[in-house]
Amino acid sequence: MPQVKPPITDQRNWHEKHKDSLSRTDRIADKITAFAGTVHFIYLHIIWWASWFVINSHLLHLTFDKYPYNLLTMILSLEAILLATLIMISQNRQAARDKIQAEHQYEHQEMELKFNTKLTEDIHSLIKTSSRKITVTTPQLRDKSGKFKKVAK
């Protein structure tokens, strides 16, 4: 009877493989997007805006962007455009990663199904073989009345 071997799996999981496949630009975009989604990002902006308002108020006499702060408005608009673009890029990459994960899970489940099917067939074959042997030897252990003979040790 052929021996059933378990499916061979790669030592590295698909997360590590996917991470290695990312370009430098993708990794930078992911880091920026990850930072933009934190409270620290909000704190940094609050400090930046407060500093901008203080510097451009007439208190320090360093005014370079007078009220209504058109330069600040333009910078924040550009930042919003860039962040929105980076978020969409990250979401597209996340969708691609989810697809790769689903394909990997499907392949792994198919491999396990084939392994389990072969294992079940082998067990069934063993049961049939042992059942035939028991059926063949059982009549030899019975007398004419159908009772078991005493077997000498």
N, C-alpha and C. Protein backbone atom coordinates (compact mmCIF):
# COMPACT_ATOMS: atom_id res chain seq x y z
N MET A 1 0.85 -1.18 0.00
CA MET A 1 0.00 0.00 0.00
C MET A 1 0.90 1.24 0.00
N PRO A 2 0.66 2.20 -0.92
CA PRO A 2 1.49 3.40 -0.95
C PRO A 2 1.25 4.26 0.28
N GLN A 3 2.33 4.86 0.75
CA GLN A 3 2.24 5.68 1.94
C GLN A 3 1.77 7.08 1.56
N VAL A 4 0.84 7.61 2.34
CA VAL A 4 0.30 8.94 2.09
C VAL A 4 1.20 9.95 2.78
N LYS A 5 1.65 10.95 2.02
CA LYS A 5 2.49 11.99 2.59
C LYS A 5 1.66 13.25 2.78
N PRO A 6 1.84 13.94 3.91
CA PRO A 6 1.10 15.19 4.12
C PRO A 6 1.55 16.24 3.12
N PRO A 7 0.67 17.20 2.81
CA PRO A 7 1.05 18.24 1.86
C PRO A 7 2.24 19.05 2.37
N ILE A 8 3.12 19.39 1.46
CA ILE A 8 4.29 20.18 1.82
C ILE A 8 3.90 21.65 1.73
N THR A 9 4.20 22.39 2.78
CA THR A 9 3.90 23.82 2.77
C THR A 9 5.20 24.59 2.90
N ASP A 10 5.22 25.76 2.32
CA ASP A 10 6.38 26.64 2.38
C ASP A 10 6.56 27.10 3.82
N GLN A 11 7.80 27.24 4.24
CA GLN A 11 8.07 27.64 5.62
C GLN A 11 7.63 29.08 5.89
N ARG A 12 7.71 29.93 4.90
CA ARG A 12 7.30 31.32 5.08
C ARG A 12 5.82 31.45 4.74
N ASN A 13 5.10 32.21 5.54
CA ASN A 13 3.68 32.37 5.23
C ASN A 13 3.50 33.42 4.14
N TRP A 14 2.31 33.54 3.66
CA TRP A 14 2.06 34.41 2.52
C TRP A 14 2.22 35.88 2.88
N HIS A 15 2.05 36.22 4.18
CA HIS A 15 2.26 37.61 4.60
C HIS A 15 3.70 38.05 4.35
N GLU A 16 4.63 37.18 4.74
CA GLU A 16 6.04 37.49 4.55
C GLU A 16 6.40 37.59 3.06
N LYS A 17 5.85 36.68 2.27
CA LYS A 17 6.11 36.71 0.82
C LYS A 17 5.56 38.00 0.21
N HIS A 18 4.34 38.38 0.63
CA HIS A 18 3.72 39.59 0.09
C HIS A 18 4.52 40.83 0.51
N LYS A 19 4.95 40.84 1.76
CA LYS A 19 5.72 41.98 2.27
C LYS A 19 7.02 42.14 1.47
N ASP A 20 7.66 41.02 1.14
CA ASP A 20 8.90 41.06 0.36
C ASP A 20 8.66 41.53 -1.07
N SER A 21 7.45 41.34 -1.58
CA SER A 21 7.17 41.71 -2.96
C SER A 21 6.85 43.20 -3.14
N LEU A 22 6.64 43.92 -2.02
CA LEU A 22 6.30 45.34 -2.11
C LEU A 22 7.53 46.16 -2.52
N SER A 23 7.28 47.17 -3.34
CA SER A 23 8.36 48.07 -3.73
C SER A 23 8.63 49.07 -2.60
N ARG A 24 9.72 49.77 -2.72
CA ARG A 24 10.06 50.78 -1.71
C ARG A 24 8.97 51.85 -1.63
N THR A 25 8.48 52.26 -2.78
CA THR A 25 7.41 53.27 -2.84
C THR A 25 6.14 52.78 -2.14
N ASP A 26 5.80 51.50 -2.35
CA ASP A 26 4.62 50.93 -1.69
C ASP A 26 4.78 50.94 -0.17
N ARG A 27 5.97 50.58 0.30
CA ARG A 27 6.21 50.56 1.75
C ARG A 27 6.12 51.96 2.34
N ILE A 28 6.66 52.96 1.62
CA ILE A 28 6.59 54.34 2.10
C ILE A 28 5.14 54.80 2.13
N ALA A 29 4.39 54.51 1.08
CA ALA A 29 2.97 54.91 1.03
C ALA A 29 2.19 54.26 2.18
N ASP A 30 2.48 53.00 2.47
CA ASP A 30 1.80 52.31 3.57
C ASP A 30 2.14 52.95 4.92
N LYS A 31 3.41 53.33 5.10
CA LYS A 31 3.81 53.96 6.37
C LYS A 31 3.15 55.33 6.54
N ILE A 32 3.09 56.11 5.47
CA ILE A 32 2.44 57.42 5.55
C ILE A 32 0.96 57.26 5.85
N THR A 33 0.31 56.34 5.16
CA THR A 33 -1.11 56.10 5.37
C THR A 33 -1.37 55.59 6.79
N ALA A 34 -0.49 54.72 7.27
CA ALA A 34 -0.65 54.21 8.64
C ALA A 34 -0.50 55.34 9.65
N PHE A 35 0.47 56.23 9.42
CA PHE A 35 0.65 57.36 10.35
C PHE A 35 -0.52 58.33 10.27
N ALA A 36 -1.04 58.56 9.08
CA ALA A 36 -2.15 59.51 8.90
C ALA A 36 -3.41 59.04 9.62
N GLY A 37 -3.48 57.78 9.94
CA GLY A 37 -4.65 57.25 10.62
C GLY A 37 -4.48 57.16 12.13
N THR A 38 -3.55 57.92 12.70
CA THR A 38 -3.31 57.86 14.14
C THR A 38 -3.68 59.18 14.82
N VAL A 39 -3.77 59.12 16.12
CA VAL A 39 -4.06 60.31 16.92
C VAL A 39 -2.84 61.25 16.88
N HIS A 40 -1.65 60.68 16.78
CA HIS A 40 -0.44 61.50 16.72
C HIS A 40 -0.49 62.45 15.51
N PHE A 41 -1.04 61.98 14.42
CA PHE A 41 -1.19 62.80 13.22
C PHE A 41 -2.07 64.01 13.53
N ILE A 42 -3.14 63.79 14.25
CA ILE A 42 -4.06 64.88 14.61
C ILE A 42 -3.35 65.85 15.56
N TYR A 43 -2.64 65.32 16.57
CA TYR A 43 -1.91 66.18 17.51
C TYR A 43 -0.88 67.04 16.77
N LEU A 44 -0.17 66.42 15.83
CA LEU A 44 0.83 67.14 15.05
C LEU A 44 0.18 68.30 14.27
N HIS A 45 -0.98 68.05 13.70
CA HIS A 45 -1.68 69.10 12.95
C HIS A 45 -2.18 70.21 13.86
N ILE A 46 -2.66 69.85 15.02
CA ILE A 46 -3.13 70.88 15.97
C ILE A 46 -1.97 71.78 16.37
N ILE A 47 -0.81 71.17 16.65
CA ILE A 47 0.38 71.97 17.01
C ILE A 47 0.81 72.84 15.82
N TRP A 48 0.80 72.26 14.63
CA TRP A 48 1.20 73.00 13.43
C TRP A 48 0.28 74.20 13.21
N TRP A 49 -1.03 73.98 13.27
CA TRP A 49 -1.98 75.07 13.02
C TRP A 49 -1.86 76.15 14.10
N ALA A 50 -1.75 75.72 15.35
CA ALA A 50 -1.64 76.69 16.44
C ALA A 50 -0.37 77.53 16.26
N SER A 51 0.72 76.87 15.90
CA SER A 51 1.98 77.60 15.65
C SER A 51 1.80 78.56 14.48
N TRP A 52 1.15 78.11 13.45
CA TRP A 52 0.92 78.96 12.27
C TRP A 52 0.12 80.21 12.66
N PHE A 53 -0.91 80.01 13.45
CA PHE A 53 -1.75 81.14 13.86
C PHE A 53 -0.97 82.11 14.74
N VAL A 54 -0.18 81.57 15.66
CA VAL A 54 0.59 82.42 16.57
C VAL A 54 1.65 83.20 15.79
N ILE A 55 2.38 82.49 14.91
CA ILE A 55 3.43 83.14 14.13
C ILE A 55 2.84 84.22 13.23
N ASN A 56 1.70 83.96 12.63
CA ASN A 56 1.10 84.91 11.69
C ASN A 56 0.17 85.92 12.35
N SER A 57 0.04 85.84 13.64
CA SER A 57 -0.71 86.89 14.33
C SER A 57 0.26 88.06 14.50
N HIS A 58 -0.20 89.14 14.88
CA HIS A 58 0.65 90.32 15.00
C HIS A 58 1.40 90.34 16.32
N LEU A 59 1.31 89.23 17.10
CA LEU A 59 1.99 89.18 18.39
C LEU A 59 3.51 89.08 18.23
N LEU A 60 3.97 88.27 17.27
CA LEU A 60 5.41 88.06 17.11
C LEU A 60 6.02 88.91 16.00
N HIS A 61 5.23 89.57 15.24
CA HIS A 61 5.68 90.42 14.14
C HIS A 61 6.46 89.62 13.09
N LEU A 62 6.08 88.38 12.88
CA LEU A 62 6.71 87.52 11.86
C LEU A 62 5.72 87.18 10.75
N THR A 63 4.75 87.96 10.55
CA THR A 63 3.65 87.65 9.65
C THR A 63 4.13 87.39 8.22
N PHE A 64 3.82 86.19 7.70
CA PHE A 64 4.09 85.88 6.29
C PHE A 64 2.83 85.38 5.59
N ASP A 65 1.79 85.05 6.36
CA ASP A 65 0.51 84.61 5.78
C ASP A 65 -0.61 85.25 6.60
N LYS A 66 -1.05 86.39 6.14
CA LYS A 66 -2.05 87.15 6.90
C LYS A 66 -3.41 86.47 6.81
N TYR A 67 -4.24 86.79 7.81
CA TYR A 67 -5.61 86.29 7.83
C TYR A 67 -6.26 86.64 6.51
N PRO A 68 -6.94 85.74 5.85
CA PRO A 68 -7.54 84.44 6.17
C PRO A 68 -6.65 83.24 5.87
N TYR A 69 -5.35 83.41 5.94
CA TYR A 69 -4.38 82.30 5.84
C TYR A 69 -4.51 81.52 4.53
N ASN A 70 -4.36 82.22 3.43
CA ASN A 70 -4.49 81.59 2.12
C ASN A 70 -3.41 80.53 1.86
N LEU A 71 -2.18 80.79 2.31
CA LEU A 71 -1.10 79.82 2.11
C LEU A 71 -1.38 78.54 2.89
N LEU A 72 -1.82 78.68 4.13
CA LEU A 72 -2.18 77.51 4.95
C LEU A 72 -3.31 76.72 4.29
N THR A 73 -4.30 77.42 3.78
CA THR A 73 -5.42 76.77 3.10
C THR A 73 -4.94 75.97 1.89
N MET A 74 -4.03 76.56 1.11
CA MET A 74 -3.52 75.87 -0.07
C MET A 74 -2.69 74.64 0.34
N ILE A 75 -1.85 74.80 1.36
CA ILE A 75 -1.03 73.66 1.83
C ILE A 75 -1.92 72.53 2.32
N LEU A 76 -2.95 72.85 3.10
CA LEU A 76 -3.85 71.81 3.61
C LEU A 76 -4.64 71.16 2.48
N SER A 77 -5.00 71.92 1.46
CA SER A 77 -5.71 71.34 0.31
C SER A 77 -4.81 70.35 -0.43
N LEU A 78 -3.55 70.73 -0.62
CA LEU A 78 -2.60 69.82 -1.28
C LEU A 78 -2.37 68.57 -0.43
N GLU A 79 -2.26 68.76 0.88
CA GLU A 79 -2.08 67.62 1.78
C GLU A 79 -3.28 66.67 1.70
N ALA A 80 -4.48 67.23 1.66
CA ALA A 80 -5.69 66.41 1.56
C ALA A 80 -5.70 65.61 0.26
N ILE A 81 -5.28 66.25 -0.83
CA ILE A 81 -5.23 65.54 -2.12
C ILE A 81 -4.23 64.39 -2.05
N LEU A 82 -3.03 64.67 -1.53
CA LEU A 82 -2.00 63.63 -1.45
C LEU A 82 -2.42 62.49 -0.52
N LEU A 83 -2.98 62.84 0.64
CA LEU A 83 -3.42 61.78 1.56
C LEU A 83 -4.55 60.94 0.97
N ALA A 84 -5.48 61.59 0.30
CA ALA A 84 -6.58 60.83 -0.32
C ALA A 84 -6.03 59.87 -1.37
N THR A 85 -5.05 60.34 -2.16
CA THR A 85 -4.45 59.48 -3.18
C THR A 85 -3.70 58.32 -2.53
N LEU A 86 -2.92 58.60 -1.49
CA LEU A 86 -2.18 57.54 -0.80
C LEU A 86 -3.14 56.52 -0.17
N ILE A 87 -4.23 57.00 0.39
CA ILE A 87 -5.22 56.09 0.99
C ILE A 87 -5.83 55.19 -0.07
N MET A 88 -6.16 55.76 -1.23
CA MET A 88 -6.72 54.94 -2.32
C MET A 88 -5.70 53.92 -2.81
N ILE A 89 -4.44 54.32 -2.91
CA ILE A 89 -3.39 53.37 -3.33
C ILE A 89 -3.29 52.24 -2.32
N SER A 90 -3.29 52.59 -1.04
CA SER A 90 -3.20 51.56 0.00
C SER A 90 -4.42 50.63 -0.01
N GLN A 91 -5.59 51.19 -0.25
CA GLN A 91 -6.80 50.37 -0.32
C GLN A 91 -6.75 49.42 -1.51
N ASN A 92 -6.26 49.90 -2.65
CA ASN A 92 -6.13 49.03 -3.83
C ASN A 92 -5.15 47.90 -3.55
N ARG A 93 -4.04 48.24 -2.89
CA ARG A 93 -3.06 47.22 -2.57
C ARG A 93 -3.63 46.23 -1.55
N GLN A 94 -4.43 46.73 -0.60
CA GLN A 94 -5.08 45.86 0.38
C GLN A 94 -6.03 44.89 -0.33
N ALA A 95 -6.77 45.39 -1.31
CA ALA A 95 -7.69 44.52 -2.07
C ALA A 95 -6.89 43.46 -2.82
N ALA A 96 -5.76 43.84 -3.40
CA ALA A 96 -4.92 42.87 -4.11
C ALA A 96 -4.37 41.84 -3.13
N ARG A 97 -3.97 42.30 -1.92
CA ARG A 97 -3.45 41.38 -0.91
C ARG A 97 -4.54 40.42 -0.43
N ASP A 98 -5.76 40.94 -0.28
CA ASP A 98 -6.88 40.08 0.11
C ASP A 98 -7.14 39.01 -0.93
N LYS A 99 -7.01 39.39 -2.21
CA LYS A 99 -7.20 38.42 -3.29
C LYS A 99 -6.12 37.34 -3.24
N ILE A 100 -4.88 37.75 -3.01
CA ILE A 100 -3.78 36.78 -2.90
C ILE A 100 -4.02 35.85 -1.72
N GLN A 101 -4.48 36.41 -0.60
CA GLN A 101 -4.76 35.59 0.58
C GLN A 101 -5.87 34.59 0.29
N ALA A 102 -6.92 35.02 -0.39
CA ALA A 102 -8.03 34.12 -0.72
C ALA A 102 -7.55 33.00 -1.64
N GLU A 103 -6.72 33.34 -2.63
CA GLU A 103 -6.18 32.31 -3.53
C GLU A 103 -5.30 31.33 -2.77
N HIS A 104 -4.49 31.86 -1.86
CA HIS A 104 -3.62 30.99 -1.05
C HIS A 104 -4.46 30.05 -0.19
N GLN A 105 -5.50 30.58 0.44
CA GLN A 105 -6.35 29.74 1.27
C GLN A 105 -7.05 28.67 0.44
N TYR A 106 -7.49 29.04 -0.76
CA TYR A 106 -8.15 28.08 -1.64
C TYR A 106 -7.19 26.96 -2.01
N GLU A 107 -5.97 27.34 -2.43
CA GLU A 107 -4.97 26.33 -2.80
C GLU A 107 -4.65 25.42 -1.62
N HIS A 108 -4.50 26.01 -0.45
CA HIS A 108 -4.19 25.22 0.75
C HIS A 108 -5.34 24.27 1.09
N GLN A 109 -6.57 24.74 0.99
CA GLN A 109 -7.72 23.89 1.28
C GLN A 109 -7.85 22.77 0.25
N GLU A 110 -7.56 23.08 -1.01
CA GLU A 110 -7.60 22.04 -2.05
C GLU A 110 -6.55 20.97 -1.77
N MET A 111 -5.35 21.41 -1.36
CA MET A 111 -4.29 20.48 -1.05
C MET A 111 -4.69 19.59 0.14
N GLU A 112 -5.28 20.19 1.16
CA GLU A 112 -5.73 19.42 2.32
C GLU A 112 -6.86 18.46 1.94
N LEU A 113 -7.76 18.91 1.07
CA LEU A 113 -8.86 18.05 0.63
C LEU A 113 -8.32 16.82 -0.10
N LYS A 114 -7.35 17.03 -1.00
CA LYS A 114 -6.76 15.89 -1.72
C LYS A 114 -6.07 14.95 -0.74
N PHE A 115 -5.33 15.50 0.21
CA PHE A 115 -4.65 14.69 1.21
C PHE A 115 -5.65 13.89 2.03
N ASN A 116 -6.71 14.55 2.50
CA ASN A 116 -7.72 13.88 3.32
C ASN A 116 -8.50 12.84 2.52
N THR A 117 -8.76 13.12 1.25
CA THR A 117 -9.45 12.15 0.39
C THR A 117 -8.60 10.90 0.21
N LYS A 118 -7.31 11.09 -0.07
CA LYS A 118 -6.40 9.96 -0.24
C LYS A 118 -6.30 9.16 1.06
N LEU A 119 -6.21 9.87 2.17
CA LEU A 119 -6.13 9.21 3.48
C LEU A 119 -7.40 8.41 3.75
N THR A 120 -8.56 8.96 3.44
CA THR A 120 -9.83 8.26 3.63
C THR A 120 -9.91 7.02 2.73
N GLU A 121 -9.45 7.16 1.48
CA GLU A 121 -9.45 6.01 0.57
C GLU A 121 -8.53 4.91 1.09
N ASP A 122 -7.38 5.29 1.62
CA ASP A 122 -6.45 4.29 2.16
C ASP A 122 -7.04 3.59 3.39
N ILE A 123 -7.69 4.35 4.25
CA ILE A 123 -8.33 3.75 5.43
C ILE A 123 -9.44 2.80 5.00
N HIS A 124 -10.22 3.22 4.01
CA HIS A 124 -11.29 2.37 3.49
C HIS A 124 -10.70 1.08 2.91
N SER A 125 -9.61 1.21 2.19
CA SER A 125 -8.96 0.04 1.60
C SER A 125 -8.44 -0.91 2.70
N LEU A 126 -7.87 -0.35 3.74
CA LEU A 126 -7.39 -1.17 4.85
C LEU A 126 -8.54 -1.90 5.54
N ILE A 127 -9.64 -1.20 5.72
CA ILE A 127 -10.81 -1.83 6.37
C ILE A 127 -11.34 -2.96 5.51
N LYS A 128 -11.42 -2.74 4.18
CA LYS A 128 -11.89 -3.81 3.29
C LYS A 128 -10.96 -5.02 3.34
N THR A 129 -9.65 -4.75 3.31
CA THR A 129 -8.68 -5.84 3.34
C THR A 129 -8.76 -6.62 4.65
N SER A 130 -8.80 -5.90 5.76
CA SER A 130 -8.87 -6.59 7.05
C SER A 130 -10.21 -7.28 7.23
N SER A 131 -11.27 -6.74 6.67
CA SER A 131 -12.58 -7.36 6.75
C SER A 131 -12.59 -8.70 6.00
N ARG A 132 -11.94 -8.75 4.82
CA ARG A 132 -11.86 -9.99 4.06
C ARG A 132 -11.08 -11.05 4.83
N LYS A 133 -9.99 -10.63 5.46
CA LYS A 133 -9.18 -11.58 6.22
C LYS A 133 -9.95 -12.13 7.40
N ILE A 134 -10.72 -11.27 8.07
CA ILE A 134 -11.52 -11.74 9.20
C ILE A 134 -12.61 -12.69 8.71
N THR A 135 -13.24 -12.38 7.59
CA THR A 135 -14.31 -13.21 7.05
C THR A 135 -13.75 -14.57 6.63
N VAL A 136 -12.55 -14.56 6.08
CA VAL A 136 -11.95 -15.83 5.64
C VAL A 136 -11.56 -16.68 6.82
N THR A 137 -11.01 -16.09 7.86
CA THR A 137 -10.53 -16.88 9.00
C THR A 137 -11.63 -17.24 9.98
N THR A 138 -12.73 -16.51 9.99
CA THR A 138 -13.79 -16.76 10.97
C THR A 138 -14.42 -18.15 10.82
N PRO A 139 -14.77 -18.63 9.61
CA PRO A 139 -15.37 -19.97 9.52
C PRO A 139 -14.44 -21.06 10.04
N GLN A 140 -13.17 -20.87 9.96
CA GLN A 140 -12.24 -21.88 10.43
C GLN A 140 -12.23 -21.95 11.95
N LEU A 141 -12.69 -20.92 12.63
CA LEU A 141 -12.70 -20.89 14.08
C LEU A 141 -14.02 -21.42 14.66
N ARG A 142 -14.99 -21.73 13.79
CA ARG A 142 -16.29 -22.19 14.26
C ARG A 142 -16.46 -23.69 13.97
N ASP A 143 -17.22 -24.35 14.81
CA ASP A 143 -17.53 -25.76 14.54
C ASP A 143 -18.78 -25.84 13.69
N LYS A 144 -19.30 -27.05 13.49
CA LYS A 144 -20.46 -27.22 12.60
C LYS A 144 -21.71 -26.55 13.14
N SER A 145 -21.81 -26.40 14.43
CA SER A 145 -23.00 -25.76 15.01
C SER A 145 -22.90 -24.23 14.98
N GLY A 146 -21.76 -23.69 14.60
CA GLY A 146 -21.59 -22.24 14.51
C GLY A 146 -20.96 -21.64 15.74
N LYS A 147 -20.68 -22.49 16.75
CA LYS A 147 -20.03 -21.98 17.96
C LYS A 147 -18.53 -21.95 17.74
N PHE A 148 -17.85 -21.04 18.43
CA PHE A 148 -16.41 -20.94 18.31
C PHE A 148 -15.74 -22.16 18.93
N LYS A 149 -14.72 -22.64 18.21
CA LYS A 149 -13.93 -23.75 18.72
C LYS A 149 -12.98 -23.19 19.78
N LYS A 150 -12.59 -24.07 20.68
CA LYS A 150 -11.60 -23.68 21.66
C LYS A 150 -10.24 -23.79 20.96
N VAL A 151 -9.48 -22.73 21.10
CA VAL A 151 -8.17 -22.68 20.47
C VAL A 151 -7.11 -22.94 21.51
N ALA A 152 -6.25 -23.87 21.23
CA ALA A 152 -5.18 -24.20 22.17
C ALA A 152 -4.11 -23.11 22.10
N LYS A 153 -3.56 -22.82 23.26
CA LYS A 153 -2.54 -21.76 23.30
C LYS A 153 -1.19 -22.31 22.97
